[in-house]
């Protein structure tokens, strides 16, 4: 079916187009001692278990049911694992779950799992690169401290999490439980990391965002989403657009020094493409009655990361960025908050107002 709107040809601008600044960015951060962040390096503690391995598993034989661990290695691993388990409790259990997801096996003997994991030459080589690039995380600790202090200033009920680094062998990108956000460092080695080219599940469009600069924004975004989930039943596309638009608006307020394109994972060209084609995207959603679609496949196509947003991509030369509807949701929420200056960030996050009402009160007219 032919698209019903025409995209404006892309013109590269010298700088990002200016949009109205998030009004919360002007609020000064209070002193919040409890926001002081010291990253828990579970990745280092786990990899120190390789000191127990005197005879690695044979290359090519990583079957959990067939592995035969030498007795000294097994005793050493079990003792050290118990110490880690006692120290970290549920945090370690979550880590075990992630490794179990990686192997497809759950409730396996942790000693067996780590024996195979740490014996694997590919993971060992990958971890060495992680260890080198994340030997010092003081800059990230400072950035998390600043972000959490600002979050607590703007949202008094904000639950400040602990931050823990994982090494999951590409099992999990970022995870969260009730008190902690977990970051897998192997996903943040930089776009020049050659290993990403050979990892199943990592696609070319993802690689530019697999960098250190994304650790704090992405961890914060995932934490906010986990604290304020969209629990509405029978969600339509507009519900999801407004919900994630709220998350991005709040993230923008908490990280005023971070460029807006980085928050959503866009480069300059992708950001400007959305600005140039905002009206066309919006008209397409309306004319095809997609805003109120509850079809899971359709919503997934729009919401989840992909190479592009296929519905908005006119041809090979006019590729809409992935998740462009979240960009639109962000714009709607921004306009809504600008027109309703009495609403706080906390009220924005906790208000159950219907998405259609927020759209109407935003007076959004691209």
Protein backbone atom coordinates (compact mmCIF):
# COMPACT_ATOMS: atom_id res chain seq x y z
CA UNK A 1 0.00 0.00 0.00
CA UNK A 2 1.35 3.41 -0.95
CA UNK A 3 2.14 5.70 1.95
CA UNK A 4 -0.33 8.53 2.36
CA UNK A 5 2.20 11.22 3.18
CA UNK A 6 5.39 12.54 1.74
CA UNK A 7 8.58 12.70 3.75
CA UNK A 8 10.56 15.91 3.68
CA UNK A 9 14.01 15.27 2.21
CA UNK A 10 16.65 15.13 4.90
CA UNK A 11 18.91 18.16 5.19
CA UNK A 12 21.89 17.90 7.50
CA UNK A 13 21.96 20.81 9.92
CA UNK A 14 25.01 22.12 11.70
CA UNK A 15 23.54 21.55 15.15
CA UNK A 16 20.56 19.81 16.73
CA UNK A 17 17.33 21.67 16.19
CA UNK A 18 16.35 23.51 19.32
CA UNK A 19 13.16 22.62 21.14
CA UNK A 20 11.71 24.08 24.29
CA UNK A 21 13.78 23.11 27.30
CA UNK A 22 12.36 20.80 29.93
CA UNK A 23 11.35 23.22 32.71
CA UNK A 24 12.67 20.90 35.42
CA UNK A 25 16.19 21.22 34.04
CA UNK A 26 16.40 24.67 35.64
CA UNK A 27 15.86 23.33 39.18
CA UNK A 28 19.06 23.10 41.20
CA UNK A 29 20.01 19.74 42.71
CA UNK A 30 19.86 19.45 46.49
CA UNK A 31 22.51 17.76 48.58
CA UNK A 32 21.38 14.14 48.92
CA UNK A 33 23.98 12.13 50.90
CA UNK A 34 22.14 8.83 50.39
CA UNK A 35 22.58 9.24 46.63
CA UNK A 36 26.32 8.57 46.94
CA UNK A 37 26.94 5.59 44.69
CA UNK A 38 29.64 2.98 44.99
CA UNK A 39 29.22 0.45 42.21
CA UNK A 40 29.09 -3.15 43.39
CA UNK A 41 31.55 -5.05 41.18
CA UNK A 42 29.94 -8.48 41.15
CA UNK A 43 31.55 -9.07 37.76
CA UNK A 44 35.02 -8.94 39.35
CA UNK A 45 34.07 -11.17 42.28
CA UNK A 46 32.65 -13.80 39.95
CA UNK A 47 35.61 -13.84 37.63
CA UNK A 48 37.99 -14.28 40.52
CA UNK A 49 36.50 -17.77 40.76
CA UNK A 50 38.74 -18.73 37.86
CA UNK A 51 41.53 -19.01 40.43
CA UNK A 52 39.87 -22.26 41.47
CA UNK A 53 40.18 -23.84 38.04
CA UNK A 54 43.33 -25.92 37.71
CA UNK A 55 42.12 -28.08 34.81
CA UNK A 56 39.73 -26.27 32.44
CA UNK A 57 36.88 -28.09 30.71
CA UNK A 58 37.76 -29.45 27.30
CA UNK A 59 37.06 -27.08 24.45
CA UNK A 60 33.84 -28.06 22.71
CA UNK A 61 32.54 -30.05 25.68
CA UNK A 62 30.29 -27.68 27.62
CA UNK A 63 27.42 -30.05 28.29
CA UNK A 64 26.29 -29.41 31.87
CA UNK A 65 25.21 -33.02 32.22
CA UNK A 66 28.53 -34.50 31.11
CA UNK A 67 31.10 -32.22 32.68
CA UNK A 68 33.47 -33.78 35.16
CA UNK A 69 34.97 -31.18 37.53
CA UNK A 70 38.21 -32.17 39.29
CA UNK A 71 37.59 -32.54 43.03
CA UNK A 72 39.96 -29.75 44.14
CA UNK A 73 38.33 -27.35 41.67
CA UNK A 74 34.85 -28.34 42.80
CA UNK A 75 35.67 -27.86 46.49
CA UNK A 76 37.30 -24.49 45.86
CA UNK A 77 34.42 -23.27 43.69
CA UNK A 78 31.74 -24.38 46.14
CA UNK A 79 33.47 -22.67 49.06
CA UNK A 80 33.94 -19.39 47.24
CA UNK A 81 30.44 -19.49 45.77
CA UNK A 82 28.96 -19.94 49.25
CA UNK A 83 30.89 -16.90 50.43
CA UNK A 84 29.58 -14.82 47.51
CA UNK A 85 26.06 -16.12 48.07
CA UNK A 86 26.18 -15.18 51.75
CA UNK A 87 27.50 -11.70 50.91
CA UNK A 88 25.06 -10.86 48.09
CA UNK A 89 21.95 -12.92 48.82
CA UNK A 90 19.17 -12.26 46.29
CA UNK A 91 21.55 -10.27 44.14
CA UNK A 92 23.59 -13.40 43.51
CA UNK A 93 20.44 -15.44 42.87
CA UNK A 94 19.44 -13.03 40.14
CA UNK A 95 22.90 -13.38 38.63
CA UNK A 96 22.56 -17.16 38.65
CA UNK A 97 19.23 -16.81 36.90
CA UNK A 98 20.82 -14.72 34.16
CA UNK A 99 23.54 -17.32 33.60
CA UNK A 100 20.90 -20.02 33.61
CA UNK A 101 19.02 -18.13 30.93
CA UNK A 102 22.23 -18.02 28.93
CA UNK A 103 22.71 -21.79 29.03
CA UNK A 104 19.02 -22.66 28.87
CA UNK A 105 19.28 -24.61 32.12
CA UNK A 106 17.99 -23.56 35.54
CA UNK A 107 18.63 -24.95 39.03
CA UNK A 108 21.94 -26.39 37.92
CA UNK A 109 24.81 -26.76 40.37
CA UNK A 110 26.44 -23.27 40.44
CA UNK A 111 29.91 -24.81 40.66
CA UNK A 112 29.31 -26.69 37.41
CA UNK A 113 27.90 -23.61 35.75
CA UNK A 114 30.84 -21.40 36.71
CA UNK A 115 33.38 -24.09 35.90
CA UNK A 116 32.12 -24.20 32.32
CA UNK A 117 31.51 -20.47 32.07
CA UNK A 118 34.97 -19.52 33.27
CA UNK A 119 36.66 -22.24 31.22
CA UNK A 120 35.16 -21.01 27.98
CA UNK A 121 37.95 -19.24 26.04
CA UNK A 122 35.57 -16.85 24.29
CA UNK A 123 34.09 -15.60 27.58
CA UNK A 124 37.51 -15.44 29.18
CA UNK A 125 38.80 -13.25 26.35
CA UNK A 126 35.68 -11.08 26.48
CA UNK A 127 36.00 -10.57 30.21
CA UNK A 128 39.61 -9.48 29.90
CA UNK A 129 38.47 -6.69 27.60
CA UNK A 130 35.75 -5.72 30.08
CA UNK A 131 38.25 -5.73 32.92
CA UNK A 132 40.56 -3.47 30.96
CA UNK A 133 37.91 -0.95 29.96
CA UNK A 134 36.13 -0.94 33.33
CA UNK A 135 39.11 -1.14 35.65
CA UNK A 136 38.14 2.30 36.93
CA UNK A 137 34.45 3.18 37.26
CA UNK A 138 34.83 6.29 39.41
CA UNK A 139 33.45 8.47 36.62
CA UNK A 140 30.32 6.33 36.45
CA UNK A 141 29.96 6.44 40.22
CA UNK A 142 30.10 10.23 40.09
CA UNK A 143 27.53 10.34 37.29
CA UNK A 144 25.17 7.96 39.11
CA UNK A 145 25.54 9.98 42.31
CA UNK A 146 24.66 13.18 40.49
CA UNK A 147 21.72 11.55 38.68
CA UNK A 148 20.24 9.99 41.83
CA UNK A 149 20.63 13.19 43.83
CA UNK A 150 18.84 15.08 41.11
CA UNK A 151 16.14 12.41 40.85
CA UNK A 152 15.53 12.65 44.61
CA UNK A 153 15.38 16.44 44.36
CA UNK A 154 12.78 16.36 41.59
CA UNK A 155 10.86 13.29 42.76
CA UNK A 156 10.87 13.11 46.60
CA UNK A 157 9.52 9.55 46.64
CA UNK A 158 12.22 8.34 44.23
CA UNK A 159 13.70 5.05 45.43
CA UNK A 160 17.48 5.32 45.04
CA UNK A 161 18.81 1.96 43.86
CA UNK A 162 22.16 0.33 44.33
CA UNK A 163 24.14 -0.21 41.13
CA UNK A 164 25.80 -3.52 40.38
CA UNK A 165 27.93 -4.54 37.41
CA UNK A 166 27.42 -7.98 35.89
CA UNK A 167 29.35 -10.05 33.44
CA UNK A 168 26.67 -12.26 31.94
CA UNK A 169 28.19 -13.36 28.65
CA UNK A 170 25.52 -11.40 26.75
CA UNK A 171 22.70 -13.02 28.70
CA UNK A 172 21.24 -9.75 29.96
CA UNK A 173 21.69 -6.10 29.03
CA UNK A 174 20.27 -4.33 32.08
CA UNK A 175 18.13 -5.85 34.82
CA UNK A 176 16.48 -4.56 37.98
CA UNK A 177 14.96 -5.94 41.13
CA UNK A 178 13.33 -4.13 44.06
CA UNK A 179 16.50 -2.42 45.24
CA UNK A 180 19.20 -2.61 42.58
CA UNK A 181 19.85 -1.99 38.91
CA UNK A 182 22.29 -4.37 37.22
CA UNK A 183 24.46 -3.49 34.24
CA UNK A 184 26.24 -6.09 32.09
CA UNK A 185 29.53 -4.41 31.24
CA UNK A 186 30.13 -6.47 28.11
CA UNK A 187 27.34 -4.51 26.42
CA UNK A 188 29.20 -1.22 26.84
CA UNK A 189 32.62 -1.81 25.28
CA UNK A 190 32.24 0.74 22.49
CA UNK A 191 31.08 0.62 18.90
CA UNK A 192 34.60 -0.34 17.80
CA UNK A 193 34.47 -3.64 19.72
CA UNK A 194 34.93 -6.25 17.00
CA UNK A 195 33.35 -9.00 19.09
CA UNK A 196 29.90 -7.48 18.64
CA UNK A 197 29.98 -8.52 14.99
CA UNK A 198 29.86 -12.19 16.01
CA UNK A 199 27.33 -12.19 18.85
CA UNK A 200 23.89 -13.64 17.98
CA UNK A 201 21.21 -11.13 18.92
CA UNK A 202 23.42 -8.06 18.50
CA UNK A 203 22.47 -6.38 15.26
CA UNK A 204 24.27 -3.61 13.40
CA UNK A 205 21.71 -0.98 14.42
CA UNK A 206 22.39 -1.70 18.11
CA UNK A 207 26.18 -1.36 18.04
CA UNK A 208 26.48 2.48 18.01
CA UNK A 209 24.77 2.57 21.41
CA UNK A 210 26.92 -0.11 23.05
CA UNK A 211 29.26 2.42 24.65
CA UNK A 212 30.25 3.75 28.05
CA UNK A 213 28.29 6.99 27.59
CA UNK A 214 25.07 4.96 27.61
CA UNK A 215 25.62 3.21 30.95
CA UNK A 216 24.07 5.86 33.18
CA UNK A 217 21.24 6.99 30.86
CA UNK A 218 20.17 3.42 30.06
CA UNK A 219 20.43 2.20 33.65
CA UNK A 220 18.42 5.18 34.87
CA UNK A 221 15.80 4.71 32.15
CA UNK A 222 15.38 1.01 32.96
CA UNK A 223 15.13 1.78 36.66
CA UNK A 224 12.43 4.41 36.12
CA UNK A 225 10.50 2.01 33.87
CA UNK A 226 10.72 -0.74 36.49
CA UNK A 227 9.54 1.62 39.25
CA UNK A 228 6.68 3.06 37.22
CA UNK A 229 5.41 0.32 34.88
CA UNK A 230 2.47 0.74 32.55
CA UNK A 231 -0.07 -1.50 34.27
CA UNK A 232 -3.09 -0.57 32.21
CA UNK A 233 -4.94 -3.55 30.75
CA UNK A 234 -5.69 -3.63 27.05
CA UNK A 235 -3.04 -1.04 26.18
CA UNK A 236 -3.21 0.57 22.76
CA UNK A 237 -0.38 2.22 20.84
CA UNK A 238 -1.13 5.68 22.21
CA UNK A 239 -0.99 4.33 25.78
CA UNK A 240 2.50 3.02 25.13
CA UNK A 241 3.60 6.20 23.37
CA UNK A 242 2.51 8.38 26.28
CA UNK A 243 3.90 6.01 28.91
CA UNK A 244 7.38 5.85 27.40
CA UNK A 245 7.17 9.52 26.54
CA UNK A 246 6.82 10.14 30.28
CA UNK A 247 9.86 7.99 30.99
CA UNK A 248 11.96 9.93 28.49
CA UNK A 249 10.71 13.28 29.78
CA UNK A 250 11.66 12.35 33.34
CA UNK A 251 15.04 11.03 32.21
CA UNK A 252 15.63 14.31 30.39
CA UNK A 253 14.86 16.25 33.58
CA UNK A 254 17.21 14.11 35.67
CA UNK A 255 20.08 14.24 33.15
CA UNK A 256 20.09 17.87 31.97
CA UNK A 257 23.70 17.68 30.75
CA UNK A 258 23.02 14.75 28.43
CA UNK A 259 22.11 15.49 24.83
CA UNK A 260 18.52 14.49 24.07
CA UNK A 261 19.42 12.27 21.09
CA UNK A 262 21.68 10.17 23.33
CA UNK A 263 18.80 9.58 25.77
CA UNK A 264 16.74 7.84 23.10
CA UNK A 265 19.76 6.30 21.39
CA UNK A 266 19.72 8.39 18.21
CA UNK A 267 22.53 9.95 16.27
CA UNK A 268 22.24 13.47 14.84
CA UNK A 269 20.81 12.31 11.53
CA UNK A 270 18.11 10.17 13.16
CA UNK A 271 17.09 12.95 15.54
CA UNK A 272 16.82 15.48 12.75
CA UNK A 273 14.92 12.98 10.59
CA UNK A 274 12.22 12.82 13.28
CA UNK A 275 12.06 16.60 13.54
CA UNK A 276 11.79 16.96 9.77
CA UNK A 277 9.11 14.26 9.48
CA UNK A 278 7.16 14.77 12.70
CA UNK A 279 3.98 15.89 10.94
CA UNK A 280 4.15 13.08 8.41
CA UNK A 281 4.54 10.41 11.09
CA UNK A 282 1.66 11.81 13.11
CA UNK A 283 -0.64 12.04 10.09
CA UNK A 284 0.20 8.45 9.13
CA UNK A 285 -0.79 7.17 12.60
CA UNK A 286 -4.06 9.07 12.48
CA UNK A 287 -5.01 8.30 8.89
CA UNK A 288 -4.40 4.57 9.39
CA UNK A 289 -6.21 4.46 12.74
CA UNK A 290 -3.10 3.14 14.47
CA UNK A 291 -3.12 5.30 17.60
CA UNK A 292 -5.79 3.15 19.21
CA UNK A 293 -4.64 -0.18 17.83
CA UNK A 294 -4.42 -2.93 20.47
CA UNK A 295 -2.86 -5.45 18.09
CA UNK A 296 0.24 -6.78 19.87
CA UNK A 297 2.20 -7.29 16.66
CA UNK A 298 1.55 -3.75 15.48
CA UNK A 299 2.44 -2.24 18.84
CA UNK A 300 5.63 -4.32 19.02
CA UNK A 301 6.66 -3.16 15.55
CA UNK A 302 6.45 0.43 16.72
CA UNK A 303 7.70 0.15 20.30
CA UNK A 304 10.56 -2.34 20.30
CA UNK A 305 14.06 -1.67 18.90
CA UNK A 306 14.62 -2.61 15.28
CA UNK A 307 16.61 -1.56 12.26
CA UNK A 308 13.97 1.10 11.50
CA UNK A 309 10.29 1.91 11.91
CA UNK A 310 9.02 0.18 8.80
CA UNK A 311 5.66 1.96 8.73
CA UNK A 312 7.35 5.33 8.40
CA UNK A 313 10.14 4.25 6.05
CA UNK A 314 9.19 5.48 2.60
CA UNK A 315 12.08 3.81 0.76
CA UNK A 316 15.71 2.78 1.27
CA UNK A 317 16.78 6.42 1.32
CA UNK A 318 14.14 7.52 3.84
CA UNK A 319 14.52 5.15 6.79
CA UNK A 320 12.68 6.19 9.93
CA UNK A 321 14.63 5.56 13.14
CA UNK A 322 13.59 2.68 15.35
CA UNK A 323 11.04 3.57 18.06
CA UNK A 324 10.12 6.84 16.37
CA UNK A 325 6.70 6.75 18.07
CA UNK A 326 8.46 7.04 21.43
CA UNK A 327 10.03 10.22 20.13
CA UNK A 328 6.50 11.43 19.29
CA UNK A 329 5.26 10.40 22.75
CA UNK A 330 8.11 12.36 24.30
CA UNK A 331 7.09 15.44 22.29
CA UNK A 332 3.45 15.10 23.37
CA UNK A 333 4.35 14.74 27.05
CA UNK A 334 6.75 17.68 26.84
CA UNK A 335 4.02 19.89 25.40
CA UNK A 336 1.53 18.61 27.97
CA UNK A 337 3.88 19.49 30.83
CA UNK A 338 4.61 22.91 29.35
CA UNK A 339 0.89 23.69 29.23
CA UNK A 340 0.25 22.31 32.73
CA UNK A 341 3.02 23.83 34.81
CA UNK A 342 1.34 22.96 38.09
CA UNK A 343 2.03 19.25 37.48
CA UNK A 344 5.16 17.89 39.17
CA UNK A 345 7.30 15.04 37.90
CA UNK A 346 6.01 12.86 40.70
CA UNK A 347 2.42 13.56 39.69
CA UNK A 348 3.27 12.86 36.06
CA UNK A 349 4.65 9.44 36.98
CA UNK A 350 1.86 8.42 39.32
CA UNK A 351 -1.16 9.97 37.62
CA UNK A 352 -3.50 7.42 36.03
CA UNK A 353 -4.90 9.93 33.58
CA UNK A 354 -5.87 8.36 30.26
CA UNK A 355 -3.41 8.81 27.40
CA UNK A 356 -6.17 10.36 25.28
CA UNK A 357 -6.71 13.00 27.96
CA UNK A 358 -2.99 13.84 28.07
CA UNK A 359 -2.98 14.11 24.28
CA UNK A 360 -6.01 16.40 24.34
CA UNK A 361 -4.60 18.60 27.10
CA UNK A 362 -1.24 18.84 25.34
CA UNK A 363 -2.92 20.51 22.36
CA UNK A 364 -0.36 18.67 20.27
CA UNK A 365 -0.33 19.98 16.70
CA UNK A 366 2.82 19.02 14.78
